Amino acid sequence: MAHGHEAAVSIDKFLNGEDINHRPLPAVEVVSQKMGIHEWSYDNDIALDKRYRVPTRDNVVALKDIRTEVELGYDDKLAFAEAQRCLNCDVQTVFTGQLCIECDACVDICPMDCITFTANGEEAELRTRLQAPATNVTQDLYVADNLKTGRVMVKDEDVCLHCGLCAERCPTGAWDMQKYLIEMTQAESACRSRA
């Protein structure tokens, strides 16, 4: 019985008498990745790097038993080579329509043709009018509707490389590359973010 009492005291000390069910939400911080004009704090070079397939077991062996693991996984060397293809998925394109002059510089430079300025419409119909039709309906489109001409900017997130060329080319700074950082709530109040 004394052991249970000691555990309760140590838990209470750890929680500072706070209700364990009441926790602040995780903090989300958005940080621009631009250090200076046309200078980014991450590598945004476009390269058509080779994709490395996961090595698989020989078909004769794999088909002999349904429980046989088919994919063998990457060894250290192959895993490193595949990881070099990082597309900066934690760095997102952020568009501010009030700054946009609709010069189409971002459309011209995009290597994936994923940015389109067009009249708004229903999503299914809008997908067919993009620079490159967005066929993956499970991936939402990034749509900004606050442009001066009344058109919308639509970006297909399914094919965007997060390369930042749109932000580099934009003469007004309407495009920005921002990194999203999520800070999880700590148990001890002294460890929590002041934000």
Protein backbone atom coordinates (compact mmCIF):
# COMPACT_ATOMS: atom_id res chain seq x y z
CA MET A 1 0.00 0.00 0.00
CA ALA A 2 2.88 2.34 0.83
CA HIS A 3 4.35 1.71 -2.65
CA GLY A 4 1.12 2.94 -4.29
CA HIS A 5 1.16 6.07 -2.10
CA GLU A 6 4.78 6.85 -3.15
CA ALA A 7 3.83 6.48 -6.82
CA ALA A 8 0.88 8.85 -6.40
CA VAL A 9 3.10 11.43 -4.68
CA SER A 10 5.76 11.24 -7.44
CA ILE A 11 3.11 11.55 -10.20
CA ASP A 12 1.54 14.56 -8.42
CA LYS A 13 5.00 16.15 -8.15
CA PHE A 14 5.62 15.57 -11.86
CA LEU A 15 2.26 17.11 -12.83
CA ASN A 16 2.58 20.04 -10.40
CA GLY A 17 -0.93 19.29 -9.19
CA GLU A 18 -2.35 19.88 -12.71
CA ASP A 19 -5.18 17.84 -14.18
CA ILE A 20 -3.65 15.21 -16.48
CA ASN A 21 -6.59 15.58 -18.91
CA HIS A 22 -6.01 19.31 -19.43
CA ARG A 23 -3.15 19.88 -21.87
CA PRO A 24 -2.39 22.81 -24.16
CA LEU A 25 -2.59 22.01 -27.87
CA PRO A 26 0.65 21.45 -29.80
CA ALA A 27 2.18 24.72 -31.01
CA VAL A 28 2.62 25.22 -34.77
CA GLU A 29 5.25 27.64 -35.93
CA VAL A 30 5.60 28.77 -39.55
CA VAL A 31 9.04 30.07 -40.50
CA SER A 32 10.01 31.60 -43.83
CA GLN A 33 13.00 29.81 -45.33
CA LYS A 34 14.33 32.87 -47.15
CA MET A 35 17.54 34.26 -45.68
CA GLY A 36 17.98 37.09 -48.19
CA ILE A 37 16.73 37.95 -51.64
CA HIS A 38 16.97 34.84 -53.83
CA GLU A 39 18.80 32.92 -51.09
CA TRP A 40 17.12 29.92 -49.46
CA SER A 41 18.14 28.02 -46.36
CA TYR A 42 17.62 24.65 -48.04
CA ASP A 43 18.74 23.00 -51.27
CA ASN A 44 16.20 23.68 -54.00
CA ASP A 45 18.16 22.43 -56.98
CA ILE A 46 16.01 20.55 -59.52
CA ALA A 47 17.58 17.24 -60.44
CA LEU A 48 16.07 14.30 -62.23
CA ASP A 49 17.68 11.87 -59.82
CA LYS A 50 17.41 8.17 -60.39
CA ARG A 51 14.83 6.42 -58.22
CA TYR A 52 16.10 3.29 -56.53
CA ARG A 53 13.67 0.41 -56.38
CA VAL A 54 13.42 -1.67 -53.25
CA PRO A 55 15.25 -4.97 -53.91
CA THR A 56 12.86 -7.93 -54.11
CA ARG A 57 13.12 -11.67 -53.68
CA ASP A 58 13.36 -13.84 -56.79
CA ASN A 59 9.89 -14.57 -58.28
CA VAL A 60 10.33 -18.34 -57.99
CA VAL A 61 10.95 -18.04 -54.24
CA ALA A 62 8.34 -15.32 -53.67
CA LEU A 63 5.55 -17.21 -55.47
CA LYS A 64 6.26 -20.52 -53.76
CA ASP A 65 4.79 -19.37 -50.40
CA ILE A 66 2.27 -16.56 -49.91
CA ARG A 67 3.80 -15.73 -46.52
CA THR A 68 7.24 -15.04 -48.01
CA GLU A 69 8.35 -11.43 -47.63
CA VAL A 70 8.79 -10.12 -51.19
CA GLU A 71 10.60 -6.82 -50.51
CA LEU A 72 14.05 -7.26 -49.03
CA GLY A 73 14.49 -3.60 -48.05
CA TYR A 74 17.35 -1.22 -48.75
CA ASP A 75 20.88 -1.84 -47.63
CA ASP A 76 22.77 1.17 -46.18
CA LYS A 77 24.26 2.27 -49.51
CA LEU A 78 20.97 2.09 -51.46
CA ALA A 79 19.00 3.72 -48.65
CA PHE A 80 21.43 6.64 -48.61
CA ALA A 81 21.23 7.03 -52.40
CA GLU A 82 17.40 7.04 -52.34
CA ALA A 83 17.31 9.51 -49.44
CA GLN A 84 19.32 11.99 -51.52
CA ARG A 85 16.17 12.50 -53.61
CA CYS A 86 14.57 14.51 -50.75
CA LEU A 87 12.03 16.99 -52.14
CA ASN A 88 11.79 19.21 -49.05
CA CYS A 89 8.29 18.05 -48.15
CA ASP A 90 8.47 19.96 -44.85
CA VAL A 91 8.91 23.21 -46.79
CA GLN A 92 5.64 24.40 -48.29
CA THR A 93 4.77 27.04 -50.86
CA VAL A 94 2.68 29.83 -49.34
CA PHE A 95 0.87 32.27 -51.65
CA THR A 96 -0.36 35.76 -50.74
CA GLY A 97 -2.84 36.87 -53.39
CA GLN A 98 -2.84 40.56 -52.38
CA LEU A 99 0.82 40.80 -53.44
CA CYS A 100 0.33 39.02 -56.78
CA ILE A 101 0.32 41.08 -60.00
CA GLU A 102 -0.54 37.99 -62.11
CA CYS A 103 2.55 38.32 -64.28
CA ASP A 104 2.69 34.52 -64.73
CA ALA A 105 6.42 34.40 -63.97
CA CYS A 106 5.77 31.52 -61.54
CA VAL A 107 3.80 29.66 -64.21
CA ASP A 108 6.64 30.06 -66.71
CA ILE A 109 9.38 28.80 -64.38
CA CYS A 110 7.54 25.89 -62.74
CA PRO A 111 9.26 22.68 -63.93
CA MET A 112 6.11 20.62 -63.21
CA ASP A 113 3.47 22.95 -64.74
CA CYS A 114 1.54 22.74 -61.48
CA ILE A 115 0.56 26.45 -61.19
CA THR A 116 -2.39 27.88 -63.13
CA PHE A 117 -4.22 31.22 -63.06
CA THR A 118 -7.78 30.71 -64.26
CA ALA A 119 -11.44 31.50 -63.65
CA ASN A 120 -12.88 29.73 -60.61
CA GLY A 121 -15.27 26.80 -60.96
CA GLU A 122 -16.38 23.49 -59.53
CA GLU A 123 -13.40 21.33 -58.55
CA ALA A 124 -14.02 18.51 -61.04
CA GLU A 125 -14.26 20.96 -63.95
CA LEU A 126 -11.42 23.14 -62.62
CA ARG A 127 -9.06 20.15 -62.57
CA THR A 128 -9.45 19.78 -66.35
CA ARG A 129 -8.42 23.43 -67.02
CA LEU A 130 -5.07 23.39 -65.26
CA GLN A 131 -1.69 23.66 -67.01
CA ALA A 132 -1.32 19.94 -66.36
CA PRO A 133 -4.70 18.33 -65.55
CA ALA A 134 -4.83 17.21 -61.90
CA THR A 135 -5.99 13.61 -62.14
CA ASN A 136 -5.32 12.51 -58.55
CA VAL A 137 -8.63 13.48 -56.92
CA THR A 138 -7.46 12.25 -53.50
CA GLN A 139 -4.96 15.15 -53.38
CA ASP A 140 -6.50 18.54 -52.63
CA LEU A 141 -5.71 21.51 -54.85
CA TYR A 142 -4.15 24.64 -53.36
CA VAL A 143 -6.53 27.44 -54.41
CA ALA A 144 -6.13 31.16 -53.65
CA ASP A 145 -9.12 33.30 -54.60
CA ASN A 146 -8.09 36.79 -53.51
CA LEU A 147 -6.55 38.04 -56.77
CA LYS A 148 -7.25 41.52 -58.14
CA THR A 149 -8.67 40.23 -61.44
CA GLY A 150 -11.12 37.84 -59.79
CA ARG A 151 -9.32 34.79 -61.13
CA VAL A 152 -7.89 32.10 -58.86
CA MET A 153 -4.40 30.69 -58.50
CA VAL A 154 -4.52 26.89 -58.47
CA LYS A 155 -1.55 24.67 -57.61
CA ASP A 156 -1.58 20.90 -57.91
CA GLU A 157 0.13 19.70 -54.72
CA ASP A 158 0.37 16.18 -56.11
CA VAL A 159 3.13 17.11 -58.54
CA CYS A 160 4.76 20.12 -56.82
CA LEU A 161 8.46 19.54 -56.07
CA HIS A 162 8.68 22.27 -53.39
CA CYS A 163 11.67 23.56 -55.33
CA GLY A 164 10.95 27.23 -54.58
CA LEU A 165 11.55 28.45 -58.14
CA CYS A 166 8.14 30.17 -58.09
CA ALA A 167 9.18 32.11 -54.99
CA GLU A 168 12.58 32.97 -56.44
CA ARG A 169 11.07 34.26 -59.68
CA CYS A 170 8.16 36.21 -58.12
CA PRO A 171 8.90 39.96 -58.41
CA THR A 172 6.49 40.95 -55.60
CA GLY A 173 7.13 38.24 -53.01
CA ALA A 174 3.64 36.77 -53.39
CA TRP A 175 5.19 33.29 -53.14
CA ASP A 176 7.15 32.26 -50.05
CA MET A 177 8.67 28.99 -48.93
CA GLN A 178 7.80 28.26 -45.32
CA LYS A 179 8.80 25.43 -43.02
CA TYR A 180 6.18 24.13 -40.61
CA LEU A 181 7.47 23.20 -37.18
CA ILE A 182 5.23 21.39 -34.70
CA GLU A 183 6.20 21.56 -31.05
CA MET A 184 4.50 18.95 -28.91
CA THR A 185 3.30 19.88 -25.43
CA GLN A 186 5.66 18.88 -22.65
CA ALA A 187 4.41 17.36 -19.38
CA GLU A 188 6.32 19.71 -17.07
CA SER A 189 5.26 23.36 -17.14
CA ALA A 190 8.90 24.54 -17.01
CA CYS A 191 9.55 22.63 -20.28
CA ARG A 192 6.60 24.10 -22.16
CA SER A 193 7.04 26.68 -24.88
CA ARG A 194 6.19 30.20 -23.82
CA ALA A 195 4.26 30.57 -27.11
